[in-house]
Amino acid sequence: MTWSIGDMFVSRIEEGLGLSSVSPDKFLTNFDIDVFRSHADWLVPLHYDPEEDRLVSSIHSWLIRTPRHTILLDTCSGNHKDRPWNERFHQLNTPYLERLRAVGVSPEEVDYVFCTHLHSDHCGWNTRLENGRWVPTFPNAKYLFSRAEKNRWDPAVSADNSRAVLYNDSVLPIIESRQAVLLDDAFEMDRHLLVEPAPGHTVGHMILKAGTGDDRGLFCGDAIHHPIQICEPTWNTRFCEDQEQSARTRRELLEYCVEHRALLFPMHFAPPFVAGVFARGDRLFPAFVPPRK
C-alpha cells in the first residue's frame, strides 16, 4: 500500500487491525449517541462495528521514502513488551519487521525514526529484545522525540512513574545509545518535511507536515484518532491529557488540511487509512483516499 506526496512515497506498515477495547461512549469524550448514529451510513462497517458496539482501529507505522532519506513515523507497540495496563499491546509477537522488509526496507536502512509521542503503541518498536537486553531496532537511525514528551515519562525527572517500564524498555536504550535527538520546537527533517509541536493529546505531542504547494500530507499522530473526529472535532479520546487543548489542536490541523488540500495520514484509521478533509458550510467531512497500489 503506497501513497505519494510530491517526490515522496508513503507506505503503511501494519502491526494490527481490530476493535477498540471499549464502546465509543467510553472511548470518546463530549460524545453524543444521536450525533454518532447520524454518521452510521459511512461509519459502518469499516470504522464501527454496531454488533460489538466497538470502533474499528488500526495500529501501524508510516514509512516515508524521500530521494534522500528513509523515515519511520511511530513504531507501534513492539514485541515482547510488558504492557499489563492494555491487553492489546501486551506481550505481542507480530511479524512487523517482516512487513517492513516486504516493502523493501531493512531496519539498518532507516535514517530517522520520529515518534509523535511516547504512548505504548507509538514507540514500542524503537527497541527489540536481544540476548535479554533491549537494543535499538534501527541501529543507524536518529530517533526524534519531543524533549517535553521525554521528560513527561522519564522516571528520573517526572513525578508520574506509571509508565516507567515503557520508558526503560523503549526510550532509555535510545538515549543511552546516543541516537536520540530531543526537540524543543519545529525541526526540518528533510526537504519539505517539517516536524511541529501539536500539544493536547500529550504535553509534547508533535506532528509532521510533508510536501509543498498543492501536494501535501499531514501525519497527525493521535491528535486525530478516529475519522468521526473529523466531523466532530470537539470529541476527544479519553487518553487526551489536556482536553481543551486537544480540541483546539485538532481543529487547527483539520483546517490546515482543508486550506492546503493536504492528505491526512493518521495512525489509527481503519481501511482505507488515509483521508482528505473537505468543508461543507461550517462542517468538515472525510474523503477517503485508497493507495495507488
C-alpha atoms as a PDB file:
ATOM      1  CA  MET A   1       0.000   0.000   0.000  1.00  0.00           C
ATOM      2  CA  THR A   2       1.651   3.189  -1.201  1.00  0.00           C
ATOM      3  CA  TRP A   3       0.589   6.819  -1.434  1.00  0.00           C
ATOM      4  CA  SER A   4       2.655   9.667  -2.875  1.00  0.00           C
ATOM      5  CA  ILE A   5       3.309  13.249  -1.776  1.00  0.00           C
ATOM      6  CA  GLY A   6       5.397  15.061  -4.377  1.00  0.00           C
ATOM      7  CA  ASP A   7       8.611  13.060  -4.783  1.00  0.00           C
ATOM      8  CA  MET A   8       7.963  11.108  -1.566  1.00  0.00           C
ATOM      9  CA  PHE A   9       6.417   7.660  -1.284  1.00  0.00           C
ATOM     10  CA  VAL A  10       4.476   6.628   1.815  1.00  0.00           C
ATOM     11  CA  SER A  11       3.820   3.011   2.834  1.00  0.00           C
ATOM     12  CA  ARG A  12       1.790   1.648   5.720  1.00  0.00           C
ATOM     13  CA  ILE A  13       3.486  -0.910   7.980  1.00  0.00           C
ATOM     14  CA  GLU A  14       0.801  -2.786   9.878  1.00  0.00           C
ATOM     15  CA  GLU A  15       1.102  -4.145  13.390  1.00  0.00           C
ATOM     16  CA  GLY A  16      -2.577  -4.881  13.999  1.00  0.00           C
ATOM     17  CA  LEU A  17      -6.142  -4.110  12.959  1.00  0.00           C
ATOM     18  CA  GLY A  18      -9.127  -4.729  15.210  1.00  0.00           C
ATOM     19  CA  LEU A  19     -11.772  -3.386  17.564  1.00  0.00           C
ATOM     20  CA  SER A  20     -11.314  -0.917  20.390  1.00  0.00           C
ATOM     21  CA  SER A  21     -11.471  -2.354  23.884  1.00  0.00           C
ATOM     22  CA  VAL A  22     -14.402  -0.158  24.953  1.00  0.00           C
ATOM     23  CA  SER A  23     -17.550   1.253  23.337  1.00  0.00           C
ATOM     24  CA  PRO A  24     -17.479   4.695  21.630  1.00  0.00           C
ATOM     25  CA  ASP A  25     -19.202   6.431  24.539  1.00  0.00           C
ATOM     26  CA  LYS A  26     -16.390   5.272  26.842  1.00  0.00           C
ATOM     27  CA  PHE A  27     -13.595   5.941  24.364  1.00  0.00           C
ATOM     28  CA  LEU A  28     -14.664   9.432  23.280  1.00  0.00           C
ATOM     29  CA  THR A  29     -15.414  12.450  25.457  1.00  0.00           C
ATOM     30  CA  ASN A  30     -18.139  15.012  24.648  1.00  0.00           C
ATOM     31  CA  PHE A  31     -19.806  12.055  22.936  1.00  0.00           C
ATOM     32  CA  ASP A  32     -23.426  12.281  21.711  1.00  0.00           C
ATOM     33  CA  ILE A  33     -25.025   8.986  20.705  1.00  0.00           C
ATOM     34  CA  ASP A  34     -27.629  10.586  18.433  1.00  0.00           C
ATOM     35  CA  VAL A  35     -24.981  12.539  16.544  1.00  0.00           C
ATOM     36  CA  PHE A  36     -22.861   9.411  16.302  1.00  0.00           C
ATOM     37  CA  ARG A  37     -25.766   7.431  14.852  1.00  0.00           C
ATOM     38  CA  SER A  38     -26.333  10.129  12.238  1.00  0.00           C
ATOM     39  CA  HIS A  39     -22.943   9.167  10.746  1.00  0.00           C
ATOM     40  CA  ALA A  40     -23.741   5.452  10.580  1.00  0.00           C
ATOM     41  CA  ASP A  41     -24.113   5.448   6.784  1.00  0.00           C
ATOM     42  CA  TRP A  42     -20.364   5.909   6.318  1.00  0.00           C
ATOM     43  CA  LEU A  43     -19.011   4.635   9.652  1.00  0.00           C
ATOM     44  CA  VAL A  44     -20.436   1.112   9.243  1.00  0.00           C
ATOM     45  CA  PRO A  45     -18.823  -1.334   8.654  1.00  0.00           C
ATOM     46  CA  LEU A  46     -15.272  -0.081   8.080  1.00  0.00           C
ATOM     47  CA  HIS A  47     -14.957   2.260  11.062  1.00  0.00           C
ATOM     48  CA  TYR A  48     -17.575   0.991  13.509  1.00  0.00           C
ATOM     49  CA  ASP A  49     -18.975  -2.456  14.323  1.00  0.00           C
ATOM     50  CA  PRO A  50     -22.550  -1.943  15.572  1.00  0.00           C
ATOM     51  CA  GLU A  51     -22.990  -5.557  16.698  1.00  0.00           C
ATOM     52  CA  GLU A  52     -19.992  -5.310  19.015  1.00  0.00           C
ATOM     53  CA  ASP A  53     -20.513  -1.579  19.666  1.00  0.00           C
ATOM     54  CA  ARG A  54     -16.815  -1.005  19.068  1.00  0.00           C
ATOM     55  CA  LEU A  55     -14.798   1.369  16.903  1.00  0.00           C
ATOM     56  CA  VAL A  56     -12.503  -0.246  14.356  1.00  0.00           C
ATOM     57  CA  SER A  57      -8.904   0.902  14.669  1.00  0.00           C
ATOM     58  CA  SER A  58      -5.542   0.125  13.171  1.00  0.00           C
ATOM     59  CA  ILE A  59      -2.093   0.227  14.722  1.00  0.00           C
ATOM     60  CA  HIS A  60       0.524   0.964  12.096  1.00  0.00           C
ATOM     61  CA  SER A  61       3.601   2.972  11.206  1.00  0.00           C
ATOM     62  CA  TRP A  62       4.115   5.215   8.201  1.00  0.00           C
ATOM     63  CA  LEU A  63       7.258   4.635   6.159  1.00  0.00           C
ATOM     64  CA  ILE A  64       8.243   7.738   4.200  1.00  0.00           C
ATOM     65  CA  ARG A  65      10.837   7.451   1.449  1.00  0.00           C
ATOM     66  CA  THR A  66      12.273  10.661   0.022  1.00  0.00           C
ATOM     67  CA  PRO A  67      15.077  10.886  -2.549  1.00  0.00           C
ATOM     68  CA  ARG A  68      17.434  11.451   0.402  1.00  0.00           C
ATOM     69  CA  HIS A  69      16.097   9.654   3.466  1.00  0.00           C
ATOM     70  CA  THR A  70      14.057   6.731   4.745  1.00  0.00           C
ATOM     71  CA  ILE A  71      11.864   7.735   7.689  1.00  0.00           C
ATOM     72  CA  LEU A  72       9.706   5.638  10.006  1.00  0.00           C
ATOM     73  CA  LEU A  73       6.932   7.532  11.748  1.00  0.00           C
ATOM     74  CA  ASP A  74       5.730   5.997  15.043  1.00  0.00           C
ATOM     75  CA  THR A  75       6.783   2.448  15.842  1.00  0.00           C
ATOM     76  CA  CYS A  76       3.605   0.788  17.168  1.00  0.00           C
ATOM     77  CA  SER A  77       3.672  -1.447  20.257  1.00  0.00           C
ATOM     78  CA  GLY A  78       6.646  -3.743  19.714  1.00  0.00           C
ATOM     79  CA  ASN A  79       7.139  -7.397  20.520  1.00  0.00           C
ATOM     80  CA  HIS A  80       7.588  -8.910  23.981  1.00  0.00           C
ATOM     81  CA  LYS A  81       6.792  -5.626  25.740  1.00  0.00           C
ATOM     82  CA  ASP A  82       5.256  -5.781  29.219  1.00  0.00           C
ATOM     83  CA  ARG A  83       2.082  -3.673  28.990  1.00  0.00           C
ATOM     84  CA  PRO A  84      -0.303  -5.019  31.654  1.00  0.00           C
ATOM     85  CA  TRP A  85      -2.427  -1.831  31.516  1.00  0.00           C
ATOM     86  CA  ASN A  86      -3.586  -2.634  27.935  1.00  0.00           C
ATOM     87  CA  GLU A  87      -4.044  -6.188  26.717  1.00  0.00           C
ATOM     88  CA  ARG A  88      -3.928  -5.084  23.074  1.00  0.00           C
ATOM     89  CA  PHE A  89      -0.275  -4.019  23.465  1.00  0.00           C
ATOM     90  CA  HIS A  90       0.842  -6.649  25.980  1.00  0.00           C
ATOM     91  CA  GLN A  91       3.442  -9.317  25.134  1.00  0.00           C
ATOM     92  CA  LEU A  92       2.874  -9.216  21.384  1.00  0.00           C
ATOM     93  CA  ASN A  93       4.640 -11.358  18.829  1.00  0.00           C
ATOM     94  CA  THR A  94       3.839  -9.879  15.401  1.00  0.00           C
ATOM     95  CA  PRO A  95       5.686 -10.028  12.041  1.00  0.00           C
ATOM     96  CA  TYR A  96       6.137  -6.245  11.988  1.00  0.00           C
ATOM     97  CA  LEU A  97       9.770  -6.302  10.839  1.00  0.00           C
ATOM     98  CA  GLU A  98       8.918  -8.841   8.144  1.00  0.00           C
ATOM     99  CA  ARG A  99       6.260  -6.438   6.869  1.00  0.00           C
ATOM    100  CA  LEU A 100       8.828  -3.638   6.820  1.00  0.00           C
ATOM    101  CA  ARG A 101      11.201  -5.812   4.801  1.00  0.00           C
ATOM    102  CA  ALA A 102       8.340  -6.774   2.472  1.00  0.00           C
ATOM    103  CA  VAL A 103       8.189  -3.177   1.211  1.00  0.00           C
ATOM    104  CA  GLY A 104      11.937  -3.239   0.569  1.00  0.00           C
ATOM    105  CA  VAL A 105      13.387  -1.671   3.709  1.00  0.00           C
ATOM    106  CA  SER A 106      15.577  -3.330   6.336  1.00  0.00           C
ATOM    107  CA  PRO A 107      15.938  -1.888   9.866  1.00  0.00           C
ATOM    108  CA  GLU A 108      19.519  -0.866   9.024  1.00  0.00           C
ATOM    109  CA  GLU A 109      18.283   1.331   6.153  1.00  0.00           C
ATOM    110  CA  VAL A 110      16.074   3.605   8.283  1.00  0.00           C
ATOM    111  CA  ASP A 111      17.649   7.065   8.664  1.00  0.00           C
ATOM    112  CA  TYR A 112      15.112   8.662  11.010  1.00  0.00           C
ATOM    113  CA  VAL A 113      12.559   7.353  13.483  1.00  0.00           C
ATOM    114  CA  PHE A 114      10.079  10.029  14.526  1.00  0.00           C
ATOM    115  CA  CYS A 115       7.773   9.360  17.482  1.00  0.00           C
ATOM    116  CA  THR A 116       4.851  11.790  17.578  1.00  0.00           C
ATOM    117  CA  HIS A 117       4.531  10.941  21.291  1.00  0.00           C
ATOM    118  CA  LEU A 118       5.581   8.190  23.664  1.00  0.00           C
ATOM    119  CA  HIS A 119       2.426   6.219  24.335  1.00  0.00           C
ATOM    120  CA  SER A 120       2.731   2.419  24.239  1.00  0.00           C
ATOM    121  CA  ASP A 121       1.507   1.981  20.678  1.00  0.00           C
ATOM    122  CA  HIS A 122       3.763   4.664  19.193  1.00  0.00           C
ATOM    123  CA  CYS A 123       7.247   3.817  20.410  1.00  0.00           C
ATOM    124  CA  GLY A 124       7.400   0.075  21.108  1.00  0.00           C
ATOM    125  CA  TRP A 125       9.431  -0.978  18.087  1.00  0.00           C
ATOM    126  CA  ASN A 126      12.054   1.622  18.974  1.00  0.00           C
ATOM    127  CA  THR A 127      13.783  -1.366  20.563  1.00  0.00           C
ATOM    128  CA  ARG A 128      13.851  -5.139  20.274  1.00  0.00           C
ATOM    129  CA  LEU A 129      14.897  -7.844  22.708  1.00  0.00           C
ATOM    130  CA  GLU A 130      18.346  -9.280  22.020  1.00  0.00           C
ATOM    131  CA  ASN A 131      20.015 -11.704  24.445  1.00  0.00           C
ATOM    132  CA  GLY A 132      17.871 -10.392  27.283  1.00  0.00           C
ATOM    133  CA  ARG A 133      18.608  -6.704  26.555  1.00  0.00           C
ATOM    134  CA  TRP A 134      16.559  -4.006  24.861  1.00  0.00           C
ATOM    135  CA  VAL A 135      18.574  -2.648  21.927  1.00  0.00           C
ATOM    136  CA  PRO A 136      17.689  -0.102  19.203  1.00  0.00           C
ATOM    137  CA  THR A 137      15.780  -1.816  16.402  1.00  0.00           C
ATOM    138  CA  PHE A 138      17.069   0.700  13.865  1.00  0.00           C
ATOM    139  CA  PRO A 139      20.804   0.867  14.558  1.00  0.00           C
ATOM    140  CA  ASN A 140      21.685   3.619  12.076  1.00  0.00           C
ATOM    141  CA  ALA A 141      18.723   5.908  12.715  1.00  0.00           C
ATOM    142  CA  LYS A 142      18.383   9.154  14.575  1.00  0.00           C
ATOM    143  CA  TYR A 143      15.313   8.969  16.824  1.00  0.00           C
ATOM    144  CA  LEU A 144      13.325  12.196  17.148  1.00  0.00           C
ATOM    145  CA  PHE A 145      11.365  12.811  20.359  1.00  0.00           C
ATOM    146  CA  SER A 146       9.947  15.931  21.925  1.00  0.00           C
ATOM    147  CA  ARG A 147      12.005  16.871  24.977  1.00  0.00           C
ATOM    148  CA  ALA A 148       8.806  17.695  26.875  1.00  0.00           C
ATOM    149  CA  GLU A 149       7.474  14.258  25.989  1.00  0.00           C
ATOM    150  CA  LYS A 150      10.666  12.555  27.107  1.00  0.00           C
ATOM    151  CA  ASN A 151      10.574  14.400  30.416  1.00  0.00           C
ATOM    152  CA  ARG A 152       6.880  13.574  30.843  1.00  0.00           C
ATOM    153  CA  TRP A 153       7.672   9.858  31.062  1.00  0.00           C
ATOM    154  CA  ASP A 154      11.257   9.791  32.372  1.00  0.00           C
ATOM    155  CA  PRO A 155      11.009   8.358  35.923  1.00  0.00           C
ATOM    156  CA  ALA A 156      14.203  10.188  36.840  1.00  0.00           C
ATOM    157  CA  VAL A 157      12.575  13.610  36.398  1.00  0.00           C
ATOM    158  CA  SER A 158       8.798  13.008  36.363  1.00  0.00           C
ATOM    159  CA  ALA A 159       6.512  12.683  39.348  1.00  0.00           C
ATOM    160  CA  ASP A 160       4.467  10.176  37.334  1.00  0.00           C
ATOM    161  CA  ASN A 161       6.197   6.800  37.280  1.00  0.00           C
ATOM    162  CA  SER A 162       3.184   4.903  35.949  1.00  0.00           C
ATOM    163  CA  ARG A 163       4.902   4.185  32.649  1.00  0.00           C
ATOM    164  CA  ALA A 164       8.453   3.686  33.879  1.00  0.00           C
ATOM    165  CA  VAL A 165       8.577   0.227  32.315  1.00  0.00           C
ATOM    166  CA  LEU A 166       7.724   1.730  28.909  1.00  0.00           C
ATOM    167  CA  TYR A 167      10.357   4.417  29.262  1.00  0.00           C
ATOM    168  CA  ASN A 168      13.006   1.940  30.366  1.00  0.00           C
ATOM    169  CA  ASP A 169      12.435  -0.562  27.565  1.00  0.00           C
ATOM    170  CA  SER A 170      11.580   1.728  24.627  1.00  0.00           C
ATOM    171  CA  VAL A 171      13.142   5.158  25.251  1.00  0.00           C
ATOM    172  CA  LEU A 172      16.096   4.864  27.627  1.00  0.00           C
ATOM    173  CA  PRO A 173      18.053   2.448  25.372  1.00  0.00           C
ATOM    174  CA  ILE A 174      17.814   5.013  22.563  1.00  0.00           C
ATOM    175  CA  ILE A 175      19.158   7.762  24.793  1.00  0.00           C
ATOM    176  CA  GLU A 176      21.944   5.526  26.093  1.00  0.00           C
ATOM    177  CA  SER A 177      22.942   4.634  22.522  1.00  0.00           C
ATOM    178  CA  ARG A 178      23.168   8.383  21.733  1.00  0.00           C
ATOM    179  CA  GLN A 179      20.694   8.044  18.882  1.00  0.00           C
ATOM    180  CA  ALA A 180      18.070  10.329  20.409  1.00  0.00           C
ATOM    181  CA  VAL A 181      17.504  13.865  19.122  1.00  0.00           C
ATOM    182  CA  LEU A 182      15.376  15.814  21.613  1.00  0.00           C
ATOM    183  CA  LEU A 183      13.270  18.536  20.029  1.00  0.00           C
ATOM    184  CA  ASP A 184      12.108  21.746  21.701  1.00  0.00           C
ATOM    185  CA  ASP A 185      10.414  23.288  18.678  1.00  0.00           C
ATOM    186  CA  ALA A 186       9.931  22.804  14.953  1.00  0.00           C
ATOM    187  CA  PHE A 187      12.518  20.709  13.125  1.00  0.00           C
ATOM    188  CA  GLU A 188      13.123  20.289   9.398  1.00  0.00           C
ATOM    189  CA  MET A 189      13.909  16.604   8.917  1.00  0.00           C
ATOM    190  CA  ASP A 190      14.280  16.743   5.147  1.00  0.00           C
ATOM    191  CA  ARG A 191      13.301  18.977   2.263  1.00  0.00           C
ATOM    192  CA  HIS A 192       9.548  19.646   2.686  1.00  0.00           C
ATOM    193  CA  LEU A 193       9.335  17.540   5.877  1.00  0.00           C
ATOM    194  CA  LEU A 194       8.658  19.690   8.920  1.00  0.00           C
ATOM    195  CA  VAL A 195       8.070  18.447  12.473  1.00  0.00           C
ATOM    196  CA  GLU A 196       5.929  20.813  14.573  1.00  0.00           C
ATOM    197  CA  PRO A 197       4.523  20.804  18.120  1.00  0.00           C
ATOM    198  CA  ALA A 198       0.836  19.859  18.381  1.00  0.00           C
ATOM    199  CA  PRO A 199       0.143  19.507  22.118  1.00  0.00           C
ATOM    200  CA  GLY A 200      -3.022  18.344  23.800  1.00  0.00           C
ATOM    201  CA  HIS A 201      -3.142  14.585  23.427  1.00  0.00           C
ATOM    202  CA  THR A 202       0.096  14.675  25.412  1.00  0.00           C
ATOM    203  CA  VAL A 203       2.182  17.609  26.564  1.00  0.00           C
ATOM    204  CA  GLY A 204       4.892  17.032  23.969  1.00  0.00           C
ATOM    205  CA  HIS A 205       2.840  15.632  21.108  1.00  0.00           C
ATOM    206  CA  MET A 206       4.192  16.553  17.652  1.00  0.00           C
ATOM    207  CA  ILE A 207       3.060  16.160  14.041  1.00  0.00           C
ATOM    208  CA  LEU A 208       4.768  16.051  10.635  1.00  0.00           C
ATOM    209  CA  LYS A 209       3.871  18.225   7.664  1.00  0.00           C
ATOM    210  CA  ALA A 210       5.032  16.937   4.283  1.00  0.00           C
ATOM    211  CA  GLY A 211       5.149  18.378   0.786  1.00  0.00           C
ATOM    212  CA  THR A 212       4.554  21.811  -0.651  1.00  0.00           C
ATOM    213  CA  GLY A 213       2.096  23.727  -2.815  1.00  0.00           C
ATOM    214  CA  ASP A 214      -0.986  21.669  -3.660  1.00  0.00           C
ATOM    215  CA  ASP A 215       0.711  18.352  -2.926  1.00  0.00           C
ATOM    216  CA  ARG A 216       0.865  17.949   0.858  1.00  0.00           C
ATOM    217  CA  GLY A 217       0.326  15.477   3.631  1.00  0.00           C
ATOM    218  CA  LEU A 218      -0.204  15.793   7.367  1.00  0.00           C
ATOM    219  CA  PHE A 219       0.861  12.987   9.706  1.00  0.00           C
ATOM    220  CA  CYS A 220      -1.239  13.761  12.747  1.00  0.00           C
ATOM    221  CA  GLY A 221      -0.221  11.184  15.368  1.00  0.00           C
ATOM    222  CA  ASP A 222      -3.065  10.854  17.864  1.00  0.00           C
ATOM    223  CA  ALA A 223      -4.313  14.422  17.513  1.00  0.00           C
ATOM    224  CA  ILE A 224      -6.953  12.813  15.275  1.00  0.00           C
ATOM    225  CA  HIS A 225      -7.523   9.251  16.407  1.00  0.00           C
ATOM    226  CA  HIS A 226     -10.717   8.158  14.596  1.00  0.00           C
ATOM    227  CA  PRO A 227     -12.441   9.553  11.473  1.00  0.00           C
ATOM    228  CA  ILE A 228     -15.536  10.558  13.463  1.00  0.00           C
ATOM    229  CA  GLN A 229     -13.333  13.310  14.932  1.00  0.00           C
ATOM    230  CA  ILE A 230     -13.107  14.949  11.508  1.00  0.00           C
ATOM    231  CA  CYS A 231     -16.852  15.508  11.595  1.00  0.00           C
ATOM    232  CA  GLU A 232     -16.962  16.099  15.352  1.00  0.00           C
ATOM    233  CA  PRO A 233     -13.624  17.788  16.194  1.00  0.00           C
ATOM    234  CA  THR A 234     -14.670  18.642  19.770  1.00  0.00           C
ATOM    235  CA  TRP A 235     -14.797  14.919  20.604  1.00  0.00           C
ATOM    236  CA  ASN A 236     -11.539  13.937  22.272  1.00  0.00           C
ATOM    237  CA  THR A 237     -10.390  10.496  23.311  1.00  0.00           C
ATOM    238  CA  ARG A 238     -10.257   9.653  26.991  1.00  0.00           C
ATOM    239  CA  PHE A 239      -6.471   9.409  26.590  1.00  0.00           C
ATOM    240  CA  CYS A 240      -6.072  13.107  25.734  1.00  0.00           C
ATOM    241  CA  GLU A 241      -4.310  14.733  28.683  1.00  0.00           C
ATOM    242  CA  ASP A 242      -5.427  18.303  28.001  1.00  0.00           C
ATOM    243  CA  GLN A 243      -8.978  18.076  26.689  1.00  0.00           C
ATOM    244  CA  GLU A 244      -9.399  21.742  25.730  1.00  0.00           C
ATOM    245  CA  GLN A 245      -6.014  21.974  24.012  1.00  0.00           C
ATOM    246  CA  SER A 246      -6.649  18.688  22.195  1.00  0.00           C
ATOM    247  CA  ALA A 247      -9.798  20.074  20.590  1.00  0.00           C
ATOM    248  CA  ARG A 248      -8.048  23.319  19.579  1.00  0.00           C
ATOM    249  CA  THR A 249      -5.111  21.454  18.057  1.00  0.00           C
ATOM    250  CA  ARG A 250      -7.403  19.064  16.175  1.00  0.00           C
ATOM    251  CA  ARG A 251      -9.393  21.907  14.668  1.00  0.00           C
ATOM    252  CA  GLU A 252      -6.213  23.696  13.570  1.00  0.00           C
ATOM    253  CA  LEU A 253      -4.874  20.571  11.892  1.00  0.00           C
ATOM    254  CA  LEU A 254      -8.140  19.876  10.101  1.00  0.00           C
ATOM    255  CA  GLU A 255      -8.327  23.470   8.885  1.00  0.00           C
ATOM    256  CA  TYR A 256      -4.759  23.107   7.603  1.00  0.00           C
ATOM    257  CA  CYS A 257      -5.840  20.057   5.597  1.00  0.00           C
ATOM    258  CA  VAL A 258      -8.792  21.935   4.106  1.00  0.00           C
ATOM    259  CA  GLU A 259      -6.803  25.071   3.277  1.00  0.00           C
ATOM    260  CA  HIS A 260      -3.832  23.247   1.735  1.00  0.00           C
ATOM    261  CA  ARG A 261      -5.680  20.215   0.372  1.00  0.00           C
ATOM    262  CA  ALA A 262      -3.353  18.074   2.450  1.00  0.00           C
ATOM    263  CA  LEU A 263      -3.962  14.349   2.782  1.00  0.00           C
ATOM    264  CA  LEU A 264      -4.410  13.233   6.377  1.00  0.00           C
ATOM    265  CA  PHE A 265      -2.225  10.281   7.434  1.00  0.00           C
ATOM    266  CA  PRO A 266      -3.483   9.181  10.873  1.00  0.00           C
ATOM    267  CA  MET A 267      -2.042   6.370  12.990  1.00  0.00           C
ATOM    268  CA  HIS A 268      -5.275   4.545  13.790  1.00  0.00           C
ATOM    269  CA  PHE A 269      -7.752   4.915  10.942  1.00  0.00           C
ATOM    270  CA  ALA A 270      -9.138   1.661   9.558  1.00  0.00           C
ATOM    271  CA  PRO A 271      -9.054   0.961   5.775  1.00  0.00           C
ATOM    272  CA  PRO A 272      -8.510   2.796   3.539  1.00  0.00           C
ATOM    273  CA  PHE A 273      -6.405   4.550   6.236  1.00  0.00           C
ATOM    274  CA  VAL A 274      -5.849   7.953   4.529  1.00  0.00           C
ATOM    275  CA  ALA A 275      -8.337  10.784   4.033  1.00  0.00           C
ATOM    276  CA  GLY A 276      -8.734  14.166   2.504  1.00  0.00           C
ATOM    277  CA  VAL A 277     -10.735  16.689   4.513  1.00  0.00           C
ATOM    278  CA  PHE A 278     -13.393  18.863   2.876  1.00  0.00           C
ATOM    279  CA  ALA A 279     -15.707  21.533   4.201  1.00  0.00           C
ATOM    280  CA  ARG A 280     -19.445  21.807   3.621  1.00  0.00           C
ATOM    281  CA  GLY A 281     -20.531  25.059   5.187  1.00  0.00           C
ATOM    282  CA  ASP A 282     -19.065  25.040   8.682  1.00  0.00           C
ATOM    283  CA  ARG A 283     -18.950  21.215   8.843  1.00  0.00           C
ATOM    284  CA  LEU A 284     -15.979  19.006   7.964  1.00  0.00           C
ATOM    285  CA  PHE A 285     -16.084  15.562   6.370  1.00  0.00           C
ATOM    286  CA  PRO A 286     -13.552  12.905   5.339  1.00  0.00           C
ATOM    287  CA  ALA A 287     -12.952  11.804   1.749  1.00  0.00           C
ATOM    288  CA  PHE A 288     -11.030   8.528   1.906  1.00  0.00           C
ATOM    289  CA  VAL A 289      -8.138   8.014  -0.483  1.00  0.00           C
ATOM    290  CA  PRO A 290      -7.072   4.462  -1.361  1.00  0.00           C
ATOM    291  CA  PRO A 291      -3.414   3.672  -2.035  1.00  0.00           C
ATOM    292  CA  ARG A 292      -2.194   3.729  -5.614  1.00  0.00           C
ATOM    293  CA  LYS A 293      -1.200   0.063  -5.364  1.00  0.00           C
END
